[in-house]
Amino acid sequence: MNATKQTRDWYPFVGPFDPCPPKYVKTYVVPPNQFIPFQPMNLPQFPLADALRLGTLWPALFSPYESKCRPGEAQKG
């Protein structure tokens, strides 16, 4: 697994006349495949059942999804 943090912070410009309440920090996820320029040989692999559950065969390319919704809050959509 990469030691590089996958979640990055972005500090958008907050204008004095913005009509909405500002969000001072926004976060985004950089996919792990951006840190691996080519597929090296003999990468470790997850067992098949774990790979199907996690969505990737290689632990180096695994990126967990963290929901930003609060538990019990209904999603709109």
PDB file of N, CA and C in Angstrom:
ATOM      1  N   MET A   1       0.849  -1.183   0.000  1.00  0.00           N
ATOM      2  CA  MET A   1       0.000   0.000   0.000  1.00  0.00           C
ATOM      3  C   MET A   1       0.887   1.235   0.000  1.00  0.00           C
ATOM      4  N   ASN A   2       0.422   2.265  -0.671  1.00  0.00           N
ATOM      5  CA  ASN A   2       1.171   3.506  -0.721  1.00  0.00           C
ATOM      6  C   ASN A   2       1.108   4.244   0.598  1.00  0.00           C
ATOM      7  N   ALA A   3       2.193   4.911   0.920  1.00  0.00           N
ATOM      8  CA  ALA A   3       2.206   5.741   2.121  1.00  0.00           C
ATOM      9  C   ALA A   3       1.588   7.106   1.832  1.00  0.00           C
ATOM     10  N   THR A   4       1.307   7.380   0.545  1.00  0.00           N
ATOM     11  CA  THR A   4       0.723   8.656   0.157  1.00  0.00           C
ATOM     12  C   THR A   4      -0.741   8.705   0.564  1.00  0.00           C
ATOM     13  N   LYS A   5      -1.133   9.821   1.155  1.00  0.00           N
ATOM     14  CA  LYS A   5      -2.514   9.985   1.591  1.00  0.00           C
ATOM     15  C   LYS A   5      -3.419  10.145   0.369  1.00  0.00           C
ATOM     16  N   GLN A   6      -4.499   9.378   0.309  1.00  0.00           N
ATOM     17  CA  GLN A   6      -5.392   9.414  -0.845  1.00  0.00           C
ATOM     18  C   GLN A   6      -6.394  10.557  -0.773  1.00  0.00           C
ATOM     19  N   THR A   7      -6.690  11.039   0.419  1.00  0.00           N
ATOM     20  CA  THR A   7      -7.636  12.143   0.568  1.00  0.00           C
ATOM     21  C   THR A   7      -6.868  13.449   0.624  1.00  0.00           C
ATOM     22  N   ARG A   8      -7.256  14.373  -0.220  1.00  0.00           N
ATOM     23  CA  ARG A   8      -6.590  15.674  -0.276  1.00  0.00           C
ATOM     24  C   ARG A   8      -7.584  16.762   0.128  1.00  0.00           C
ATOM     25  N   ASP A   9      -7.052  17.883   0.567  1.00  0.00           N
ATOM     26  CA  ASP A   9      -7.871  19.032   0.956  1.00  0.00           C
ATOM     27  C   ASP A   9      -7.713  20.141  -0.070  1.00  0.00           C
ATOM     28  N   TRP A  10      -8.791  20.872  -0.297  1.00  0.00           N
ATOM     29  CA  TRP A  10      -8.791  22.004  -1.201  1.00  0.00           C
ATOM     30  C   TRP A  10      -9.461  23.160  -0.475  1.00  0.00           C
ATOM     31  N   TYR A  11      -8.849  24.320  -0.501  1.00  0.00           N
ATOM     32  CA  TYR A  11      -9.364  25.502   0.181  1.00  0.00           C
ATOM     33  C   TYR A  11      -9.856  26.492  -0.880  1.00  0.00           C
ATOM     34  N   PRO A  12     -11.157  26.454  -1.197  1.00  0.00           N
ATOM     35  CA  PRO A  12     -11.669  27.328  -2.264  1.00  0.00           C
ATOM     36  C   PRO A  12     -11.719  28.789  -1.825  1.00  0.00           C
ATOM     37  N   PHE A  13     -11.753  29.662  -2.810  1.00  0.00           N
ATOM     38  CA  PHE A  13     -11.875  31.089  -2.548  1.00  0.00           C
ATOM     39  C   PHE A  13     -13.267  31.364  -1.985  1.00  0.00           C
ATOM     40  N   VAL A  14     -13.324  32.141  -0.931  1.00  0.00           N
ATOM     41  CA  VAL A  14     -14.591  32.549  -0.328  1.00  0.00           C
ATOM     42  C   VAL A  14     -14.711  34.057  -0.528  1.00  0.00           C
ATOM     43  N   GLY A  15     -15.650  34.452  -1.393  1.00  0.00           N
ATOM     44  CA  GLY A  15     -15.842  35.865  -1.682  1.00  0.00           C
ATOM     45  C   GLY A  15     -16.743  36.532  -0.659  1.00  0.00           C
ATOM     46  N   PRO A  16     -16.623  37.822  -0.520  1.00  0.00           N
ATOM     47  CA  PRO A  16     -17.451  38.530   0.459  1.00  0.00           C
ATOM     48  C   PRO A  16     -18.923  38.610   0.062  1.00  0.00           C
ATOM     49  N   PHE A  17     -19.239  38.393  -1.216  1.00  0.00           N
ATOM     50  CA  PHE A  17     -20.618  38.509  -1.678  1.00  0.00           C
ATOM     51  C   PHE A  17     -21.210  37.174  -2.109  1.00  0.00           C
ATOM     52  N   ASP A  18     -20.645  36.061  -1.662  1.00  0.00           N
ATOM     53  CA  ASP A  18     -21.184  34.743  -1.997  1.00  0.00           C
ATOM     54  C   ASP A  18     -22.587  34.603  -1.409  1.00  0.00           C
ATOM     55  N   PRO A  19     -23.561  34.136  -2.190  1.00  0.00           N
ATOM     56  CA  PRO A  19     -24.935  34.042  -1.691  1.00  0.00           C
ATOM     57  C   PRO A  19     -25.164  32.870  -0.741  1.00  0.00           C
ATOM     58  N   CYS A  20     -24.310  31.876  -0.761  1.00  0.00           N
ATOM     59  CA  CYS A  20     -24.492  30.678   0.070  1.00  0.00           C
ATOM     60  C   CYS A  20     -23.469  30.670   1.203  1.00  0.00           C
ATOM     61  N   PRO A  21     -23.778  29.949   2.283  1.00  0.00           N
ATOM     62  CA  PRO A  21     -22.776  29.820   3.350  1.00  0.00           C
ATOM     63  C   PRO A  21     -21.513  29.151   2.802  1.00  0.00           C
ATOM     64  N   PRO A  22     -20.347  29.664   3.136  1.00  0.00           N
ATOM     65  CA  PRO A  22     -19.112  29.122   2.549  1.00  0.00           C
ATOM     66  C   PRO A  22     -18.714  27.782   3.144  1.00  0.00           C
ATOM     67  N   LYS A  23     -18.047  26.999   2.319  1.00  0.00           N
ATOM     68  CA  LYS A  23     -17.376  25.781   2.767  1.00  0.00           C
ATOM     69  C   LYS A  23     -15.890  26.080   2.661  1.00  0.00           C
ATOM     70  N   TYR A  24     -15.234  26.136   3.804  1.00  0.00           N
ATOM     71  CA  TYR A  24     -13.844  26.568   3.827  1.00  0.00           C
ATOM     72  C   TYR A  24     -12.881  25.488   3.361  1.00  0.00           C
ATOM     73  N   VAL A  25     -13.238  24.226   3.579  1.00  0.00           N
ATOM     74  CA  VAL A  25     -12.371  23.122   3.166  1.00  0.00           C
ATOM     75  C   VAL A  25     -13.226  22.098   2.424  1.00  0.00           C
ATOM     76  N   LYS A  26     -12.776  21.716   1.241  1.00  0.00           N
ATOM     77  CA  LYS A  26     -13.425  20.643   0.494  1.00  0.00           C
ATOM     78  C   LYS A  26     -12.399  19.528   0.346  1.00  0.00           C
ATOM     79  N   THR A  27     -12.869  18.300   0.350  1.00  0.00           N
ATOM     80  CA  THR A  27     -11.956  17.164   0.211  1.00  0.00           C
ATOM     81  C   THR A  27     -12.289  16.384  -1.046  1.00  0.00           C
ATOM     82  N   TYR A  28     -11.282  15.726  -1.583  1.00  0.00           N
ATOM     83  CA  TYR A  28     -11.451  14.856  -2.734  1.00  0.00           C
ATOM     84  C   TYR A  28     -10.468  13.697  -2.608  1.00  0.00           C
ATOM     85  N   VAL A  29     -10.765  12.621  -3.313  1.00  0.00           N
ATOM     86  CA  VAL A  29      -9.946  11.413  -3.241  1.00  0.00           C
ATOM     87  C   VAL A  29      -9.169  11.260  -4.543  1.00  0.00           C
ATOM     88  N   VAL A  30      -7.872  11.043  -4.417  1.00  0.00           N
ATOM     89  CA  VAL A  30      -7.029  10.757  -5.570  1.00  0.00           C
ATOM     90  C   VAL A  30      -6.953   9.238  -5.701  1.00  0.00           C
ATOM     91  N   PRO A  31      -7.361   8.673  -6.844  1.00  0.00           N
ATOM     92  CA  PRO A  31      -7.330   7.220  -6.992  1.00  0.00           C
ATOM     93  C   PRO A  31      -5.908   6.665  -6.891  1.00  0.00           C
ATOM     94  N   PRO A  32      -5.764   5.477  -6.287  1.00  0.00           N
ATOM     95  CA  PRO A  32      -4.420   4.908  -6.105  1.00  0.00           C
ATOM     96  C   PRO A  32      -3.706   4.617  -7.420  1.00  0.00           C
ATOM     97  N   ASN A  33      -4.450   4.401  -8.515  1.00  0.00           N
ATOM     98  CA  ASN A  33      -3.769   4.099  -9.775  1.00  0.00           C
ATOM     99  C   ASN A  33      -2.988   5.302 -10.302  1.00  0.00           C
ATOM    100  N   GLN A  34      -3.185   6.490  -9.738  1.00  0.00           N
ATOM    101  CA  GLN A  34      -2.414   7.663 -10.138  1.00  0.00           C
ATOM    102  C   GLN A  34      -0.987   7.621  -9.589  1.00  0.00           C
ATOM    103  N   PHE A  35      -0.744   6.770  -8.596  1.00  0.00           N
ATOM    104  CA  PHE A  35       0.579   6.679  -7.980  1.00  0.00           C
ATOM    105  C   PHE A  35       1.408   5.530  -8.547  1.00  0.00           C
ATOM    106  N   ILE A  36       0.807   4.686  -9.384  1.00  0.00           N
ATOM    107  CA  ILE A  36       1.506   3.535  -9.956  1.00  0.00           C
ATOM    108  C   ILE A  36       1.546   3.725 -11.467  1.00  0.00           C
ATOM    109  N   PRO A  37       2.685   4.155 -12.035  1.00  0.00           N
ATOM    110  CA  PRO A  37       2.736   4.459 -13.462  1.00  0.00           C
ATOM    111  C   PRO A  37       2.642   3.217 -14.359  1.00  0.00           C
ATOM    112  N   PHE A  38       3.051   2.065 -13.877  1.00  0.00           N
ATOM    113  CA  PHE A  38       2.937   0.824 -14.639  1.00  0.00           C
ATOM    114  C   PHE A  38       2.678  -0.310 -13.654  1.00  0.00           C
ATOM    115  N   GLN A  39       2.192  -1.422 -14.162  1.00  0.00           N
ATOM    116  CA  GLN A  39       1.883  -2.555 -13.286  1.00  0.00           C
ATOM    117  C   GLN A  39       3.121  -3.422 -13.107  1.00  0.00           C
ATOM    118  N   PRO A  40       3.739  -3.378 -11.926  1.00  0.00           N
ATOM    119  CA  PRO A  40       4.920  -4.205 -11.704  1.00  0.00           C
ATOM    120  C   PRO A  40       4.555  -5.691 -11.635  1.00  0.00           C
ATOM    121  N   MET A  41       5.532  -6.516 -11.899  1.00  0.00           N
ATOM    122  CA  MET A  41       5.294  -7.963 -11.826  1.00  0.00           C
ATOM    123  C   MET A  41       5.210  -8.402 -10.369  1.00  0.00           C
ATOM    124  N   ASN A  42       4.490  -9.474 -10.135  1.00  0.00           N
ATOM    125  CA  ASN A  42       4.384 -10.134  -8.832  1.00  0.00           C
ATOM    126  C   ASN A  42       3.824  -9.230  -7.724  1.00  0.00           C
ATOM    127  N   LEU A  43       2.841  -8.421  -8.066  1.00  0.00           N
ATOM    128  CA  LEU A  43       2.168  -7.643  -7.020  1.00  0.00           C
ATOM    129  C   LEU A  43       1.398  -8.606  -6.124  1.00  0.00           C
ATOM    130  N   PRO A  44       1.358  -8.354  -4.821  1.00  0.00           N
ATOM    131  CA  PRO A  44       0.547  -9.210  -3.950  1.00  0.00           C
ATOM    132  C   PRO A  44      -0.921  -9.102  -4.345  1.00  0.00           C
ATOM    133  N   GLN A  45      -1.664 -10.192  -4.126  1.00  0.00           N
ATOM    134  CA  GLN A  45      -3.066 -10.243  -4.513  1.00  0.00           C
ATOM    135  C   GLN A  45      -3.928 -10.620  -3.322  1.00  0.00           C
ATOM    136  N   PHE A  46      -5.158 -10.070  -3.326  1.00  0.00           N
ATOM    137  CA  PHE A  46      -6.152 -10.487  -2.346  1.00  0.00           C
ATOM    138  C   PHE A  46      -6.639 -11.887  -2.695  1.00  0.00           C
ATOM    139  N   PRO A  47      -7.125 -12.659  -1.719  1.00  0.00           N
ATOM    140  CA  PRO A  47      -7.839 -13.895  -2.051  1.00  0.00           C
ATOM    141  C   PRO A  47      -9.081 -13.542  -2.884  1.00  0.00           C
ATOM    142  N   LEU A  48      -9.557 -14.481  -3.679  1.00  0.00           N
ATOM    143  CA  LEU A  48     -10.634 -14.208  -4.631  1.00  0.00           C
ATOM    144  C   LEU A  48     -11.886 -13.647  -3.956  1.00  0.00           C
ATOM    145  N   ALA A  49     -12.309 -14.223  -2.836  1.00  0.00           N
ATOM    146  CA  ALA A  49     -13.518 -13.739  -2.161  1.00  0.00           C
ATOM    147  C   ALA A  49     -13.334 -12.296  -1.681  1.00  0.00           C
ATOM    148  N   ASP A  50     -12.157 -11.973  -1.150  1.00  0.00           N
ATOM    149  CA  ASP A  50     -11.885 -10.600  -0.710  1.00  0.00           C
ATOM    150  C   ASP A  50     -11.815  -9.646  -1.897  1.00  0.00           C
ATOM    151  N   ALA A  51     -11.218 -10.094  -2.986  1.00  0.00           N
ATOM    152  CA  ALA A  51     -11.110  -9.250  -4.176  1.00  0.00           C
ATOM    153  C   ALA A  51     -12.488  -8.901  -4.728  1.00  0.00           C
ATOM    154  N   LEU A  52     -13.408  -9.844  -4.736  1.00  0.00           N
ATOM    155  CA  LEU A  52     -14.761  -9.560  -5.216  1.00  0.00           C
ATOM    156  C   LEU A  52     -15.482  -8.600  -4.280  1.00  0.00           C
ATOM    157  N   ARG A  53     -15.255  -8.728  -2.993  1.00  0.00           N
ATOM    158  CA  ARG A  53     -15.913  -7.856  -2.023  1.00  0.00           C
ATOM    159  C   ARG A  53     -15.333  -6.442  -2.065  1.00  0.00           C
ATOM    160  N   LEU A  54     -14.007  -6.326  -2.246  1.00  0.00           N
ATOM    161  CA  LEU A  54     -13.337  -5.036  -2.209  1.00  0.00           C
ATOM    162  C   LEU A  54     -13.286  -4.327  -3.559  1.00  0.00           C
ATOM    163  N   GLY A  55     -13.486  -5.074  -4.639  1.00  0.00           N
ATOM    164  CA  GLY A  55     -13.527  -4.462  -5.959  1.00  0.00           C
ATOM    165  C   GLY A  55     -12.199  -4.385  -6.683  1.00  0.00           C
ATOM    166  N   THR A  56     -11.158  -4.994  -6.137  1.00  0.00           N
ATOM    167  CA  THR A  56      -9.866  -5.015  -6.821  1.00  0.00           C
ATOM    168  C   THR A  56      -9.088  -6.257  -6.389  1.00  0.00           C
ATOM    169  N   LEU A  57      -8.257  -6.731  -7.289  1.00  0.00           N
ATOM    170  CA  LEU A  57      -7.449  -7.904  -6.980  1.00  0.00           C
ATOM    171  C   LEU A  57      -6.182  -7.534  -6.219  1.00  0.00           C
ATOM    172  N   TRP A  58      -5.701  -6.301  -6.391  1.00  0.00           N
ATOM    173  CA  TRP A  58      -4.419  -5.908  -5.824  1.00  0.00           C
ATOM    174  C   TRP A  58      -4.602  -4.948  -4.649  1.00  0.00           C
ATOM    175  N   PRO A  59      -3.991  -5.234  -3.512  1.00  0.00           N
ATOM    176  CA  PRO A  59      -4.090  -4.325  -2.365  1.00  0.00           C
ATOM    177  C   PRO A  59      -3.532  -2.921  -2.647  1.00  0.00           C
ATOM    178  N   ALA A  60      -2.554  -2.817  -3.534  1.00  0.00           N
ATOM    179  CA  ALA A  60      -1.986  -1.501  -3.851  1.00  0.00           C
ATOM    180  C   ALA A  60      -2.997  -0.593  -4.541  1.00  0.00           C
ATOM    181  N   LEU A  61      -4.027  -1.164  -5.175  1.00  0.00           N
ATOM    182  CA  LEU A  61      -5.031  -0.373  -5.882  1.00  0.00           C
ATOM    183  C   LEU A  61      -6.327  -0.237  -5.103  1.00  0.00           C
ATOM    184  N   PHE A  62      -6.351  -0.685  -3.857  1.00  0.00           N
ATOM    185  CA  PHE A  62      -7.573  -0.605  -3.052  1.00  0.00           C
ATOM    186  C   PHE A  62      -7.719   0.796  -2.470  1.00  0.00           C
ATOM    187  N   SER A  63      -8.916   1.353  -2.593  1.00  0.00           N
ATOM    188  CA  SER A  63      -9.227   2.663  -2.032  1.00  0.00           C
ATOM    189  C   SER A  63     -10.569   2.553  -1.324  1.00  0.00           C
ATOM    190  N   PRO A  64     -10.579   2.609   0.005  1.00  0.00           N
ATOM    191  CA  PRO A  64     -11.850   2.466   0.719  1.00  0.00           C
ATOM    192  C   PRO A  64     -12.751   3.670   0.492  1.00  0.00           C
ATOM    193  N   TYR A  65     -14.052   3.418   0.416  1.00  0.00           N
ATOM    194  CA  TYR A  65     -15.031   4.492   0.255  1.00  0.00           C
ATOM    195  C   TYR A  65     -15.560   4.876   1.625  1.00  0.00           C
ATOM    196  N   GLU A  66     -15.450   6.137   1.940  1.00  0.00           N
ATOM    197  CA  GLU A  66     -15.969   6.637   3.206  1.00  0.00           C
ATOM    198  C   GLU A  66     -17.150   7.552   2.892  1.00  0.00           C
ATOM    199  N   SER A  67     -18.326   7.161   3.327  1.00  0.00           N
ATOM    200  CA  SER A  67     -19.525   7.946   3.064  1.00  0.00           C
ATOM    201  C   SER A  67     -19.495   9.235   3.860  1.00  0.00           C
ATOM    202  N   LYS A  68     -19.941  10.314   3.236  1.00  0.00           N
ATOM    203  CA  LYS A  68     -20.007  11.597   3.921  1.00  0.00           C
ATOM    204  C   LYS A  68     -21.373  11.816   4.553  1.00  0.00           C
ATOM    205  N   CYS A  69     -22.296  10.886   4.323  1.00  0.00           N
ATOM    206  CA  CYS A  69     -23.624  10.990   4.931  1.00  0.00           C
ATOM    207  C   CYS A  69     -23.550  10.548   6.390  1.00  0.00           C
ATOM    208  N   ARG A  70     -24.359  11.163   7.191  1.00  0.00           N
ATOM    209  CA  ARG A  70     -24.412  10.756   8.609  1.00  0.00           C
ATOM    210  C   ARG A  70     -25.266   9.501   8.725  1.00  0.00           C
ATOM    211  N   PRO A  71     -24.938   8.615   9.665  1.00  0.00           N
ATOM    212  CA  PRO A  71     -25.757   7.416   9.843  1.00  0.00           C
ATOM    213  C   PRO A  71     -27.206   7.795  10.181  1.00  0.00           C
ATOM    214  N   GLY A  72     -28.143   7.138   9.514  1.00  0.00           N
ATOM    215  CA  GLY A  72     -29.552   7.371   9.778  1.00  0.00           C
ATOM    216  C   GLY A  72     -30.142   8.519   8.956  1.00  0.00           C
ATOM    217  N   GLU A  73     -29.296   9.257   8.241  1.00  0.00           N
ATOM    218  CA  GLU A  73     -29.813  10.364   7.430  1.00  0.00           C
ATOM    219  C   GLU A  73     -30.182   9.841   6.050  1.00  0.00           C
ATOM    220  N   ALA A  74     -31.359  10.144   5.588  1.00  0.00           N
ATOM    221  CA  ALA A  74     -31.808   9.669   4.279  1.00  0.00           C
ATOM    222  C   ALA A  74     -31.119  10.460   3.180  1.00  0.00           C
ATOM    223  N   GLN A  75     -30.721   9.757   2.108  1.00  0.00           N
ATOM    224  CA  GLN A  75     -30.110  10.429   0.972  1.00  0.00           C
ATOM    225  C   GLN A  75     -31.204  10.973   0.070  1.00  0.00           C
ATOM    226  N   LYS A  76     -30.950  12.144  -0.468  1.00  0.00           N
ATOM    227  CA  LYS A  76     -31.896  12.753  -1.413  1.00  0.00           C
ATOM    228  C   LYS A  76     -31.459  12.391  -2.815  1.00  0.00           C
ATOM    229  N   GLY A  77     -32.406  12.058  -3.660  1.00  0.00           N
ATOM    230  CA  GLY A  77     -31.987  11.765  -5.019  1.00  0.00           C
ATOM    231  C   GLY A  77     -32.897  10.952  -5.778  1.00  0.00           C
TER     232      GLY A  77
END
